[in-house]
Protein backbone atom coordinates (compact mmCIF):
# COMPACT_ATOMS: atom_id res chain seq x y z
CA MET A 1 0.00 0.00 0.00
CA ALA A 2 2.82 2.39 0.88
CA VAL A 3 4.60 1.58 -2.41
CA ASP A 4 1.39 2.23 -4.34
CA LEU A 5 0.98 5.59 -2.65
CA ARG A 6 4.59 6.48 -3.48
CA GLY A 7 3.95 5.67 -7.15
CA LYS A 8 0.87 7.89 -7.14
CA ASP A 9 2.87 10.67 -5.50
CA ILE A 10 5.42 10.44 -8.35
CA SER A 11 2.64 10.59 -10.96
CA VAL A 12 1.20 13.69 -9.30
CA GLU A 13 4.61 15.38 -9.35
CA GLN A 14 5.13 14.45 -13.04
CA VAL A 15 1.81 16.05 -13.96
CA LYS A 16 2.69 19.18 -11.97
CA GLN A 17 6.08 19.53 -13.68
CA LEU A 18 4.61 18.99 -17.15
CA SER A 19 1.88 21.52 -16.40
CA GLU A 20 4.39 24.13 -15.19
CA LYS A 21 6.28 23.99 -18.52
CA THR A 22 3.18 23.87 -20.72
CA PRO A 23 2.69 27.66 -21.30
CA SER A 24 6.29 28.22 -22.50
CA MET A 25 6.16 25.13 -24.71
CA LEU A 26 2.87 26.26 -26.28
CA TRP A 27 4.41 29.61 -27.24
CA LEU A 28 7.52 27.88 -28.61
CA THR A 29 5.41 25.43 -30.64
CA LEU A 30 3.28 28.28 -32.09
CA LEU A 31 6.38 30.29 -33.11
CA THR A 32 8.07 27.22 -34.62
CA ALA A 33 4.98 26.26 -36.62
CA GLY A 34 4.59 29.83 -37.91
CA PHE A 35 8.25 30.11 -38.85
CA ILE A 36 8.31 26.76 -40.70
CA ALA A 37 5.04 27.55 -42.47
CA LEU A 38 6.48 30.85 -43.61
CA ILE A 39 9.63 29.19 -45.03
CA LEU A 40 7.69 26.40 -46.72
CA SER A 41 5.19 28.75 -48.32
CA GLY A 42 7.66 29.71 -51.03
CA ASN A 43 8.90 26.19 -51.73
CA VAL A 44 5.84 23.89 -51.64
CA ALA A 45 2.16 24.03 -52.33
CA ILE A 46 0.45 26.61 -50.13
CA TRP A 47 -1.99 24.11 -48.57
CA ILE A 48 0.87 22.24 -46.85
CA PRO A 49 2.12 25.13 -44.64
CA ALA A 50 -1.46 26.30 -44.11
CA ALA A 51 -2.59 22.85 -42.93
CA LEU A 52 0.50 22.58 -40.73
CA PHE A 53 -0.12 25.92 -39.01
CA LEU A 54 -3.87 25.46 -38.55
CA SER A 55 -3.42 21.94 -37.17
CA MET A 56 -0.85 23.21 -34.66
CA VAL A 57 -3.11 26.09 -33.62
CA PHE A 58 -5.99 23.66 -32.97
CA LEU A 59 -3.73 21.37 -30.94
CA ILE A 60 -2.36 24.34 -28.96
CA ILE A 61 -5.94 25.38 -28.09
CA LEU A 62 -6.69 21.86 -26.78
CA ARG A 63 -3.50 21.77 -24.74
CA PHE A 64 -4.24 25.23 -23.29
CA TRP A 65 -7.74 24.08 -22.29
CA HIS A 66 -6.23 21.09 -20.52
CA TYR A 67 -3.74 23.37 -18.79
CA MET A 68 -6.58 25.59 -17.49
CA VAL A 69 -8.50 22.53 -16.23
CA LEU A 70 -5.40 21.47 -14.30
CA ARG A 71 -5.01 24.90 -12.76
CA ARG A 72 -8.66 25.06 -11.81
CA LYS A 73 -9.24 21.55 -10.44
CA GLY A 74 -5.71 20.55 -9.53
CA VAL A 75 -4.14 17.12 -9.60
CA ASN A 76 -4.42 14.32 -7.03
CA HIS A 77 -3.90 10.58 -6.69
CA ASP A 78 -7.24 9.84 -8.36
CA ASN A 79 -6.77 11.86 -11.56
CA ALA A 80 -2.98 11.93 -12.03
CA ASN A 81 -2.90 8.97 -14.43
CA ILE A 82 -5.72 10.47 -16.50
CA HIS A 83 -3.77 13.71 -16.95
CA LEU A 84 -0.63 11.80 -17.87
CA ALA A 85 -2.63 9.96 -20.54
CA CYS A 86 -3.76 13.37 -21.87
CA PHE A 87 -0.16 14.53 -22.14
CA VAL A 88 0.71 11.35 -24.05
CA CYS A 89 -2.19 11.92 -26.46
CA PHE A 90 -1.23 15.56 -27.03
CA ALA A 91 2.42 14.57 -27.61
CA PHE A 92 1.37 11.88 -30.10
CA ALA A 93 -0.91 14.34 -31.94
CA GLY A 94 1.89 16.94 -32.17
CA GLY A 95 4.38 14.34 -33.36
CA ALA A 96 1.83 13.03 -35.90
CA ILE A 97 1.43 16.52 -37.40
CA TRP A 98 5.21 16.83 -37.89
CA GLY A 99 5.36 13.23 -39.15
CA ILE A 100 2.63 13.89 -41.74
CA LEU A 101 4.63 16.91 -42.87
CA GLY A 102 7.53 14.51 -43.52
CA LEU A 103 5.23 12.33 -45.63
CA VAL A 104 3.58 15.01 -47.76
CA ILE A 105 6.52 17.27 -48.41
CA PRO A 106 8.05 16.54 -51.82
CA ILE A 107 11.48 14.96 -51.83
CA SER A 108 13.57 16.51 -54.59
CA SER A 109 17.11 17.24 -55.41
CA ASP A 110 16.76 20.53 -53.51
CA MET A 111 19.25 19.90 -50.73
CA PHE A 112 18.14 23.00 -48.85
CA LEU A 113 14.62 21.68 -48.41
CA LEU A 114 15.87 18.18 -47.56
CA VAL A 115 18.29 19.45 -44.91
CA LEU A 116 15.65 21.86 -43.58
CA ILE A 117 13.10 19.10 -42.97
CA ALA A 118 15.67 16.71 -41.46
CA THR A 119 17.08 19.43 -39.24
CA LEU A 120 13.60 20.62 -38.25
CA LEU A 121 12.42 17.16 -37.20
CA CYS A 122 15.65 16.31 -35.34
CA GLY A 123 15.63 19.71 -33.65
CA LEU A 124 12.04 19.28 -32.49
CA VAL A 125 12.85 15.87 -31.00
CA ALA A 126 16.01 17.17 -29.30
CA SER A 127 14.21 20.17 -27.83
CA ALA A 128 11.40 17.94 -26.50
CA VAL A 129 13.77 15.78 -24.44
CA SER A 130 13.98 18.14 -21.47
CA TYR A 131 10.20 18.69 -21.45
CA LEU A 132 8.49 15.43 -22.41
CA SER A 133 11.07 13.16 -20.72
CA ILE A 134 9.41 14.07 -17.42
CA TYR A 135 7.10 11.26 -18.55
CA LYS A 136 9.01 9.27 -21.15
CA MET A 137 5.91 7.69 -22.70
CA ALA A 138 4.92 11.17 -23.86
CA PHE A 139 8.38 11.70 -25.38
CA PHE A 140 8.35 8.28 -27.09
CA SER A 141 4.90 9.04 -28.54
CA PHE A 142 6.12 12.36 -29.92
CA ALA A 143 9.60 11.41 -31.15
CA ILE A 144 8.81 8.15 -32.94
CA VAL A 145 5.88 9.49 -35.00
CA SER A 146 7.80 12.73 -35.75
CA ILE A 147 10.96 11.19 -37.24
CA CYS A 148 10.06 7.70 -38.44
CA PRO A 149 7.77 8.62 -41.38
CA PHE A 150 10.33 10.94 -43.05
CA ALA A 151 13.30 8.69 -42.17
CA ILE A 152 11.65 5.56 -43.55
CA ARG A 153 10.55 7.49 -46.65
CA CYS A 154 14.16 8.60 -47.25
CA ILE A 155 15.53 5.06 -46.80
CA LEU A 156 12.94 3.61 -49.18
CA THR A 157 14.10 5.91 -52.00
CA GLN A 158 17.32 3.84 -52.11
CA GLN A 159 19.18 6.94 -53.18
CA GLU A 160 22.50 7.15 -51.42
CA ILE A 161 22.07 10.66 -49.99
CA PHE A 162 18.50 10.02 -48.84
CA VAL A 163 19.41 6.63 -47.31
CA ALA A 164 22.24 8.28 -45.38
CA ILE A 165 19.94 11.03 -44.06
CA GLY A 166 17.21 8.52 -43.13
CA THR A 167 19.72 6.25 -41.35
CA LEU A 168 21.24 9.14 -39.43
CA MET A 169 17.77 10.27 -38.35
CA VAL A 170 16.94 6.78 -37.07
CA LEU A 171 20.20 6.67 -35.09
CA PHE A 172 19.48 10.15 -33.76
CA LEU A 173 16.03 8.95 -32.67
CA LEU A 174 17.45 5.93 -30.84
CA VAL A 175 20.02 8.08 -29.01
CA ASN A 176 17.33 10.50 -27.90
CA LEU A 177 14.99 7.71 -26.78
CA PHE A 178 17.77 6.34 -24.58
CA ASN A 179 18.58 9.84 -23.39
CA SER A 180 14.91 10.37 -22.54
CA HIS A 181 14.91 7.15 -20.49
CA LEU A 182 17.93 8.32 -18.49
CA THR A 183 16.40 11.76 -18.06
CA GLN A 184 13.20 10.32 -16.62
CA ILE A 185 15.21 8.20 -14.17
CA ASN A 186 17.00 11.31 -12.93
CA ILE A 187 13.72 13.25 -12.76
CA ILE A 188 12.07 10.49 -10.72
CA LYS A 189 15.11 10.39 -8.41
CA GLY A 190 14.72 14.13 -7.97
CA ILE A 191 11.02 13.74 -7.23
CA LYS A 192 11.73 11.02 -4.67
CA LEU A 193 14.42 13.15 -3.07
CA GLU A 194 12.03 16.08 -2.94
CA GLN A 195 9.40 13.85 -1.37
CA LYS A 196 11.89 12.70 1.23
CA ASN A 197 12.80 16.32 1.92
CA ARG A 198 9.12 17.20 2.31
CA ASP A 199 8.58 14.21 4.58
CA LEU A 200 11.62 15.26 6.57
CA ILE A 201 10.33 18.82 6.81
CA LYS A 202 6.91 17.53 7.89
CA ARG A 203 8.49 15.26 10.49
CA LEU A 204 10.73 18.03 11.75
CA THR A 205 7.77 20.41 11.81
CA TYR A 206 5.73 17.82 13.68
CA GLU A 207 8.55 17.20 16.14
CA LYS A 208 9.01 20.94 16.55
CA ASN A 209 5.30 21.36 17.20
CA CYS A 210 5.42 18.47 19.67
CA ALA A 211 8.42 20.07 21.35
CA ASP A 212 6.60 23.41 21.44
CA ASP A 213 3.51 21.74 22.88
CA ALA A 214 5.66 19.88 25.40
CA ARG A 215 7.36 23.14 26.34
CA LYS A 216 3.99 24.85 26.73
CA ILE A 217 2.75 21.95 28.85
CA ALA A 218 5.94 22.10 30.89
CA ASP A 219 5.55 25.86 31.31
CA HIS A 220 1.92 25.34 32.26
CA ASN A 221 2.87 22.58 34.70
CA ASN A 222 5.59 24.76 36.20
CA ALA A 223 3.10 27.56 36.61
CA ALA A 224 0.55 25.10 38.00
CA LYS A 225 3.20 23.70 40.31
CA SER A 226 3.96 27.18 41.59
CA ARG A 227 0.23 27.81 42.11
CA TYR A 228 -0.05 24.35 43.60
CA LEU A 229 2.69 24.99 46.16
CA ALA A 230 1.48 28.48 46.94
CA THR A 231 -2.16 27.45 47.27
CA ALA A 232 -1.41 24.23 49.13
CA SER A 233 0.98 26.00 51.49
CA HIS A 234 -1.61 28.64 52.27
CA ASP A 235 -4.61 26.33 52.59
CA LEU A 236 -2.77 23.68 54.60
CA ARG A 237 -1.54 26.30 57.03
CA GLN A 238 -5.06 27.57 57.68
CA PRO A 239 -6.47 24.51 59.51
CA LEU A 240 -3.10 23.85 61.20
CA ASN A 241 -2.92 27.42 62.36
CA ALA A 242 -6.53 27.31 63.56
CA MET A 243 -5.96 24.02 65.42
CA GLY A 244 -2.95 25.53 67.17
CA PHE A 245 -5.00 28.46 68.48
CA PHE A 246 -7.94 26.22 69.45
CA VAL A 247 -5.67 23.81 71.37
CA GLU A 248 -3.98 26.77 73.07
CA ALA A 249 -7.39 28.14 74.08
CA LEU A 250 -8.47 24.73 75.43
CA GLN A 251 -5.59 24.74 77.90
CA TYR A 252 -6.95 27.81 79.65
CA GLU A 253 -10.70 27.56 79.06
CA LYS A 254 -12.84 26.54 82.07
CA ASP A 255 -16.34 27.02 80.68
CA PRO A 256 -17.68 23.57 79.56
CA VAL A 257 -19.84 25.13 76.83
CA LYS A 258 -16.93 27.00 75.33
CA ILE A 259 -14.74 23.91 75.67
CA GLN A 260 -17.25 21.93 73.59
CA GLN A 261 -17.29 24.72 71.00
CA LEU A 262 -13.49 24.70 70.79
CA ILE A 263 -13.42 20.89 70.50
CA LYS A 264 -15.92 21.09 67.65
CA ARG A 265 -13.75 23.64 65.88
CA VAL A 266 -10.65 21.48 66.35
CA SER A 267 -12.60 18.55 64.85
CA GLN A 268 -13.70 20.69 61.90
CA SER A 269 -10.13 21.87 61.30
CA SER A 270 -8.87 18.28 61.50
CA GLU A 271 -11.48 17.13 58.99
CA ALA A 272 -10.64 20.02 56.65
CA LEU A 273 -6.94 19.17 56.87
CA GLY A 274 -7.63 15.51 56.09
CA ASN A 275 -9.72 16.47 53.06
CA LEU A 276 -6.99 18.80 51.78
CA ILE A 277 -4.29 16.15 52.10
CA GLY A 278 -6.50 13.55 50.45
CA SER A 279 -7.21 15.88 47.52
CA LEU A 280 -3.53 16.67 47.06
CA LEU A 281 -2.61 12.98 47.05
CA ASP A 282 -5.39 12.11 44.60
CA ILE A 283 -4.58 14.83 42.07
CA SER A 284 -0.86 14.01 42.24
CA ARG A 285 -1.58 10.32 41.54
CA ILE A 286 -3.84 11.22 38.60
CA GLU A 287 -1.27 13.59 37.08
CA ALA A 288 1.53 11.07 37.61
CA GLY A 289 -0.47 8.43 35.75
CA VAL A 290 -0.01 5.82 38.49
CA MET A 291 -3.73 5.23 39.00
CA GLU A 292 -4.90 2.23 37.01
CA PRO A 293 -8.62 1.43 36.82
CA ARG A 294 -9.60 -2.04 37.96
CA GLN A 295 -13.00 -2.30 36.43
CA GLY A 296 -15.62 -4.82 37.35
CA HIS A 297 -19.37 -5.44 37.42
CA PHE A 298 -21.33 -4.23 40.45
CA ILE A 299 -24.76 -2.94 41.39
CA LEU A 300 -24.95 0.84 41.52
CA ASN A 301 -27.02 0.72 44.69
CA ASP A 302 -23.87 -0.43 46.55
CA LEU A 303 -22.35 3.01 45.99
CA PHE A 304 -25.64 4.80 46.67
CA ALA A 305 -25.80 3.05 50.05
CA ASP A 306 -22.32 4.33 50.91
CA ILE A 307 -23.29 7.85 49.81
CA VAL A 308 -26.37 7.82 52.04
CA GLN A 309 -24.34 6.51 54.94
CA GLN A 310 -21.68 9.17 54.56
CA PHE A 311 -23.65 12.31 53.70
CA THR A 312 -27.10 12.02 55.31
CA ASP A 313 -26.01 13.67 58.55
CA GLN A 314 -24.19 16.48 56.73
CA ALA A 315 -27.26 17.25 54.63
CA CYS A 316 -29.54 17.15 57.66
CA ASP A 317 -27.24 19.50 59.56
CA LYS A 318 -27.78 22.09 56.79
CA GLY A 319 -31.52 21.43 56.66
CA LEU A 320 -31.35 20.01 53.15
CA SER A 321 -33.64 17.39 51.64
CA PHE A 322 -31.33 14.49 50.71
CA ASP A 323 -33.11 12.04 48.39
CA VAL A 324 -31.25 9.06 46.96
CA LYS A 325 -33.41 6.92 44.71
CA PRO A 326 -32.41 3.24 44.88
CA CYS A 327 -30.94 2.03 41.59
CA LEU A 328 -30.51 -1.69 40.97
CA GLN A 329 -28.80 -1.19 37.59
CA THR A 330 -25.54 -3.07 37.09
CA VAL A 331 -22.59 -0.94 35.94
CA TYR A 332 -19.09 -1.71 34.68
CA SER A 333 -16.47 0.56 36.22
CA ASP A 334 -13.85 0.86 38.93
CA LYS A 335 -15.98 0.85 42.06
CA GLY A 336 -13.50 2.81 44.16
CA MET A 337 -12.89 5.49 41.52
CA LEU A 338 -16.58 5.86 40.65
CA GLY A 339 -17.32 6.11 44.37
CA ARG A 340 -14.77 8.91 44.71
CA ILE A 341 -16.37 10.72 41.76
CA LEU A 342 -19.83 10.55 43.32
CA ARG A 343 -18.59 11.51 46.79
CA ASN A 344 -16.82 14.57 45.42
CA LEU A 345 -19.92 15.63 43.49
CA VAL A 346 -22.23 15.11 46.45
CA SER A 347 -19.83 16.86 48.84
CA ASN A 348 -19.62 19.75 46.40
CA ALA A 349 -23.42 19.91 46.13
CA ILE A 350 -23.87 19.94 49.92
CA HIS A 351 -21.22 22.60 50.37
CA TYR A 352 -22.72 24.95 47.80
CA THR A 353 -26.39 24.43 48.60
CA GLU A 354 -27.75 26.52 51.46
CA HIS A 355 -31.40 25.46 51.24
CA GLY A 356 -33.57 23.13 49.22
CA PHE A 357 -32.60 19.68 48.03
CA ILE A 358 -29.94 17.32 46.78
CA ASN A 359 -31.15 14.41 44.67
CA ILE A 360 -29.28 11.38 43.33
CA SER A 361 -30.70 9.01 40.75
CA GLY A 362 -29.67 6.55 38.07
CA THR A 363 -31.40 6.13 34.69
CA ILE A 364 -30.80 4.31 31.40
CA GLU A 365 -30.00 6.40 28.34
CA SER A 366 -28.80 5.00 25.00
CA GLY A 367 -27.48 1.83 26.61
CA LEU A 368 -25.60 3.71 29.35
CA VAL A 369 -26.37 4.22 33.02
CA VAL A 370 -26.61 7.96 33.69
CA ILE A 371 -26.02 9.03 37.29
CA ASN A 372 -27.53 12.44 38.04
CA ILE A 373 -26.57 14.53 41.08
CA SER A 374 -28.86 17.58 41.19
CA ASP A 375 -29.04 20.39 43.74
CA SER A 376 -30.90 23.62 44.34
CA GLY A 377 -27.77 25.65 44.94
CA THR A 378 -27.10 29.04 43.45
CA GLY A 379 -25.83 27.50 40.20
CA ILE A 380 -22.78 28.16 38.03
CA ALA A 381 -22.44 31.01 35.55
CA GLU A 382 -22.07 29.90 31.94
CA GLU A 383 -18.57 31.37 31.62
CA ASN A 384 -17.42 29.20 34.55
CA ILE A 385 -18.88 25.87 33.33
CA ASP A 386 -15.63 24.72 31.72
CA LYS A 387 -13.42 26.31 34.36
CA VAL A 388 -14.86 24.39 37.32
CA PHE A 389 -12.85 21.32 36.28
CA HIS A 390 -9.56 23.23 36.29
CA GLU A 391 -7.14 22.68 39.14
CA PHE A 392 -7.32 25.21 41.98
CA PHE A 393 -10.34 26.93 40.44
CA ARG A 394 -12.80 28.18 43.02
CA ILE A 395 -15.83 30.19 41.98
CA SER A 396 -15.59 33.75 43.16
CA LYS A 397 -18.10 35.50 45.35
CA GLY A 398 -21.28 36.33 43.53
CA ALA A 399 -22.02 32.80 42.36
CA TYR A 400 -20.95 30.72 45.36
CA GLU A 401 -19.60 31.86 48.65
CA PRO A 402 -15.85 31.48 48.91
CA SER A 403 -15.10 27.87 49.80
CA GLN A 404 -12.49 26.12 51.84
CA GLY A 405 -10.26 23.64 50.08
CA LEU A 406 -7.83 23.74 47.22
CA GLY A 407 -10.36 23.78 44.41
CA LEU A 408 -9.34 20.23 43.41
CA GLY A 409 -12.60 18.35 43.98
CA LEU A 410 -14.03 18.70 40.49
CA SER A 411 -10.56 18.49 38.93
CA ILE A 412 -10.24 15.05 40.54
CA VAL A 413 -13.70 14.17 39.21
CA ASP A 414 -12.67 15.19 35.69
CA GLY A 415 -9.38 13.28 35.90
CA LEU A 416 -11.04 10.09 37.14
CA CYS A 417 -13.79 10.32 34.50
CA ARG A 418 -11.16 10.64 31.76
CA LEU A 419 -9.24 7.72 33.27
CA LEU A 420 -12.38 5.55 33.31
CA GLY A 421 -13.73 6.78 29.97
CA HIS A 422 -16.91 8.14 31.59
CA GLU A 423 -18.52 11.22 30.09
CA ILE A 424 -19.49 13.97 32.52
CA LYS A 425 -21.80 16.86 31.74
CA ILE A 426 -23.03 19.90 33.65
CA HIS A 427 -26.32 21.71 33.32
CA SER A 428 -26.55 24.71 35.59
CA GLU A 429 -28.57 27.89 35.88
CA PRO A 430 -27.59 30.65 38.31
CA GLY A 431 -30.20 31.02 41.03
CA ILE A 432 -31.83 27.65 40.24
CA GLY A 433 -29.25 24.91 40.72
CA SER A 434 -26.98 22.43 38.99
CA VAL A 435 -27.13 18.90 37.61
CA PHE A 436 -23.96 16.84 37.19
CA SER A 437 -24.44 13.77 34.99
CA VAL A 438 -21.97 10.90 34.75
CA LYS A 439 -22.45 8.28 32.01
CA VAL A 440 -21.26 4.78 32.92
CA SER A 441 -21.29 1.58 30.86
CA GLN A 442 -23.89 -1.00 31.78
CA GLY A 443 -22.61 -4.13 33.48
CA ASN A 444 -23.56 -7.79 33.53
CA LEU A 445 -25.62 -8.85 36.55
CA ASN A 446 -24.39 -12.43 36.20
CA MET A 447 -20.80 -11.25 36.76
CA VAL A 448 -21.51 -9.30 39.97
CA THR A 449 -19.52 -10.79 42.84
CA THR A 450 -20.74 -8.53 45.62
CA THR A 451 -24.18 -7.53 46.80
CA SER A 452 -25.44 -4.14 47.82
CA GLU A 453 -25.61 -3.20 51.47
CA PRO A 454 -28.77 -1.90 53.15
CA MET A 455 -29.31 1.82 53.47
CA ASN A 456 -27.85 3.63 56.44
CA ILE A 457 -29.81 3.79 59.65
CA SER A 458 -28.75 6.90 61.56
CA GLY A 459 -28.49 7.23 65.28
CA GLY A 460 -25.92 6.05 67.83
CA VAL A 461 -26.06 2.44 69.05
CA MET A 462 -24.34 1.33 72.23
CA ALA A 463 -22.31 -1.77 71.50
CA LYS A 464 -19.16 -3.75 72.17
CA VAL A 465 -16.18 -3.18 69.91
CA MET A 466 -12.92 -5.11 69.56
CA ILE A 467 -10.04 -2.96 68.25
CA LEU A 468 -6.71 -4.40 67.12
CA SER A 469 -3.95 -1.90 66.39
CA ASP A 470 -0.19 -1.59 66.26
CA GLY A 471 -0.19 0.53 69.37
CA SER A 472 0.53 3.78 67.53
CA GLU A 473 -0.86 6.96 68.97
CA SER A 474 -3.14 7.62 66.00
CA VAL A 475 -4.93 4.29 66.35
CA ASP A 476 -4.97 4.45 70.16
CA ASN A 477 -7.01 7.58 69.70
CA VAL A 478 -9.62 5.46 67.90
CA SER A 479 -10.13 3.47 71.08
CA GLU A 480 -10.54 6.64 73.12
CA ALA A 481 -13.00 8.06 70.60
CA MET A 482 -15.11 4.88 70.60
CA ARG A 483 -15.28 4.98 74.40
CA ARG A 484 -16.36 8.61 74.33
CA TRP A 485 -19.16 7.65 71.95
CA GLY A 486 -20.43 5.14 74.50
CA TYR A 487 -19.01 1.89 73.15
CA SER A 488 -17.56 -0.82 75.31
CA VAL A 489 -14.04 -1.26 73.93
CA ALA A 490 -11.54 -4.11 74.15
CA ASP A 491 -8.31 -3.14 72.37
CA PHE A 492 -5.22 -5.24 71.67
CA THR A 493 -1.89 -4.82 69.90
CA ASP A 494 -1.59 -8.52 69.04
CA SER A 495 -4.16 -10.77 67.37
CA ARG A 496 -3.20 -13.74 69.60
CA GLU A 497 -4.09 -11.71 72.66
CA GLY A 498 -7.46 -10.97 71.11
CA LEU A 499 -8.13 -14.63 70.36
CA VAL A 500 -7.14 -15.66 73.91
CA PHE A 501 -9.36 -12.91 75.32
CA LEU A 502 -12.37 -14.13 73.33
CA GLU A 503 -11.88 -17.69 74.63
CA SER A 504 -11.45 -16.67 78.28
CA GLU A 505 -13.91 -13.81 78.64
CA ASP A 506 -17.66 -13.58 78.14
CA PHE A 507 -17.23 -10.74 75.65
CA ILE A 508 -19.09 -10.95 72.35
CA PRO A 509 -18.25 -7.88 70.22
CA ASP A 510 -20.73 -6.38 67.77
CA LEU A 511 -17.96 -4.92 65.65
CA ILE A 512 -14.27 -5.43 64.87
CA ILE A 513 -12.04 -2.47 64.01
CA MET A 514 -8.55 -3.30 62.78
CA ASP A 515 -5.53 -1.36 61.59
CA ASN A 516 -4.22 -2.60 58.23
CA ASP A 517 -0.62 -2.05 59.43
CA LEU A 518 -0.88 -4.49 62.36
CA HIS A 519 2.63 -5.96 62.46
CA SER A 520 3.24 -8.21 59.42
CA GLU A 521 0.24 -10.48 59.92
CA SER A 522 -2.42 -10.94 57.29
CA VAL A 523 -5.19 -8.65 58.43
CA ILE A 524 -7.83 -10.51 56.46
CA GLU A 525 -6.84 -13.89 57.94
CA VAL A 526 -6.89 -12.40 61.45
CA ILE A 527 -10.38 -10.98 60.97
CA ILE A 528 -11.66 -14.26 59.56
CA ASP A 529 -10.25 -16.14 62.59
CA LEU A 530 -11.85 -13.62 64.97
CA GLN A 531 -15.19 -13.82 63.17
CA ARG A 532 -15.06 -17.63 63.34
CA LYS A 533 -14.39 -17.54 67.10
CA ILE A 534 -17.15 -15.02 67.72
CA SER A 535 -19.66 -16.91 65.53
CA LEU A 536 -19.13 -20.00 67.72
CA LYS A 537 -20.39 -17.94 70.64
CA SER A 538 -23.04 -15.77 68.98
CA GLY A 539 -24.10 -17.98 66.12
CA HIS A 540 -23.62 -15.31 63.48
CA LYS A 541 -20.90 -13.39 61.64
CA ILE A 542 -20.12 -9.87 62.87
CA PRO A 543 -19.03 -6.94 60.66
CA ALA A 544 -15.51 -5.51 60.52
CA ILE A 545 -13.96 -2.15 59.65
CA ILE A 546 -10.37 -1.95 58.37
CA LEU A 547 -8.40 1.30 58.62
CA THR A 548 -5.81 1.54 55.87
CA GLY A 549 -3.52 3.97 54.14
CA ALA A 550 -2.99 1.62 51.21
CA GLY A 551 -4.81 1.82 47.90
CA GLY A 552 -5.40 -0.07 44.69
CA GLU A 553 -5.12 -3.84 45.03
CA VAL A 554 -5.11 -3.79 48.86
CA GLN A 555 -8.42 -1.93 49.00
CA GLU A 556 -9.93 -4.21 46.38
CA LYS A 557 -8.87 -7.31 48.29
CA ILE A 558 -10.33 -5.95 51.53
CA GLN A 559 -13.63 -5.05 49.92
CA SER A 560 -13.83 -8.39 48.07
CA TYR A 561 -14.20 -10.10 51.46
CA GLY A 562 -17.12 -7.83 52.35
CA PHE A 563 -15.23 -5.80 54.96
CA SER A 564 -15.91 -2.08 55.35
CA LEU A 565 -12.96 0.22 54.69
CA LEU A 566 -11.90 3.67 55.87
CA GLN A 567 -9.01 5.50 54.27
CA LYS A 568 -6.40 7.11 56.52
CA PRO A 569 -6.39 9.79 57.80
CA VAL A 570 -9.68 8.64 59.30
CA GLN A 571 -12.26 11.32 59.99
CA PRO A 572 -13.97 10.67 63.34
CA ALA A 573 -17.40 11.55 61.94
CA LYS A 574 -17.06 8.92 59.21
CA LEU A 575 -15.89 6.28 61.67
CA ARG A 576 -18.74 7.04 64.06
CA SER A 577 -21.32 6.99 61.25
CA MET A 578 -20.01 3.72 59.80
CA ALA A 579 -19.78 2.01 63.18
CA SER A 580 -23.31 3.09 64.07
CA TYR A 581 -24.60 1.90 60.73
CA LEU A 582 -22.94 -1.52 60.93
CA VAL A 583 -23.90 -2.15 64.55
CA ARG A 584 -27.50 -1.08 64.00
CA GLY A 585 -27.70 -3.35 60.97
CA GLU A 586 -26.23 -6.24 62.97
CA ARG A 587 -28.70 -5.65 65.82
CA GLN A 588 -31.65 -5.61 63.42
CA ALA A 589 -30.40 -8.79 61.72
CA GLY A 590 -30.09 -10.43 65.14
CA ALA A 591 -33.64 -9.46 66.02
CA VAL A 592 -34.88 -11.04 62.81
CA ARG A 593 -32.94 -14.24 63.48
CA SER A 594 -34.35 -14.49 67.01
């Protein structure tokens, strides 16, 4: 195929070169025909030069018409061979006119006329070499029919002088045919070299453009990095700075009401800091290209249940109507990444909606599952629709109130959607609200390996909790927090101690919380052993929460066993909500069993 295209490229170039020389050759042919007709008019019958000149004029008109067609329509791979055939026909017609002249002109003892005709025909052939040898078939068509009739006629006279002239003309023809062949070879080599030069120029231009684009991207990334560092430095300092002042105030505050207010502010600053760090880590992983989707088939309601569990209390605190319509459609995506997309969109909707509603639903559209997150917030101005997905972009006052955070939430959404191949659209009207729609491929219900969890049941539930940690301060704080929330806690730094405790004590936990970094033991195997021990006492399997800082395959493996997962740094509100949800669900299941 490539060779065929190269041949067509050569044909196109041959037509172009022939066309470029056509005007000058037409003028030269007209002058030559007029000059020869003028000379012959005094030596032969008048109709011979007249017929010669008129025939040439007619042929010149046809060739000029063809030249104008070429200029107007151009030449391409499809019509190049047709135009070459036209050049061959025109060359043959021109040669035939000169050849007929050689047949009709009287051969006499007038040496002047004899030499004139021989010289004329040989001169025409010699002058055509540089022009018609661009395509040698055109030259062959012209040269052979120009010389052969007169040369053969001379040889057939069998007169010594005429035979000598005819023989010399035939030899001259053969030399010029060979010369034309060599000329075409050199012309084609030149065309190929020119093509290589053009290809080289195109490649260099392309590489230059790629280098320019890469430089622009690098400049943009450097600028973004500078903004990134400046923005991150500023926004990370804010909650840290606030926490420092709140902790300082706690040391000297005696009023219990004010102490509770300060503790709440410390918790809010801690949560804000965790969100900022999580966003920075996510966007850096997306930009570095180290996030690889691990797609599978699952029921969308699984994610909707997690969304309800995580955001119901936040929506209620702002007095918002939070309606999540159950959706039993099966989708094909990365469950963790799609969950992060939906959480970011819902979190964004709650943050920017002061009153009204937030609705989540899933519908089928053109063979895709469309997830809609709609809110009654103040909306997004049209000029900001595309900008909201840019890194560090936060809508200025006048549309939304200034927000905390780095402005990375929707940028992460956009990056994950591109990574998963999910289309995301926004429809928003200022003063009315916004709808974010994410289109996800439908999945196969028969390939679903997990089942959806029940919807969250809010409210605290007093229960017994077993916590296994590595003894680090961060996880020890989990035990203290669970006790403050009214749970009976048994915590251990070694799984063997926990197993011994379960065998010796009449303690049946309702929930297991485990740190993923517990020594070098297999966390999943430990939990399974604990669940087996507990089920021997209680007769049923209890839920477990794993706290982890790992991602990717580790998270997938944990979730494949049906364990709940919280990403470090763990937000106390999320832990409390998940624990309450799991324990309440376990209590209700126990009531049904009894």
